[in-house]
Amino acid sequence: LYFSVRGKVPKHFQPRMVGLLAMGGTQGLVGWWMVKSGLGDDRRSDAKEIRVKPVRLATHLGMAMATYGALLWTGLDLLSLPHNSKTGSGTMAAIQDRLARSPSLLQFTKRLRFG
């Protein structure tokens, strides 16, 4: 939301950002729905453990995986946007510029690539 307001995210990605925000909020609601199923005396075993309903746990996990997939898809789409090499505008140009200005970050990324 912060980067969208500041104009750092392309306009055609705005609906996807709203969708990601909604997925994050829904994940919180599904998490509470899952936890709520384990609260109460009827859900405790002899060992006094709280147990959530498996269907709700699976729903929470599925929602988390869908949200993670959508975030990864969006991030990779943003990184693969074409940029104007003459003016240096675009997401990749900004990342390359940041790497060029930060020697420690450049060394870190080299170690990630080559071990």
Foldseek 3Di string as FASTA:
>chain_A
DVCVVVVNDDPVCVVLVVVLVVLVVVLVVLVVVQQVQQDDPVQADPVRDGDTDPVSVVVSVVSVVVSVVSVVVVVVVQCPDDDDPVVLDGDVSVVVVVLVVDVVVVVVVVVVVPD
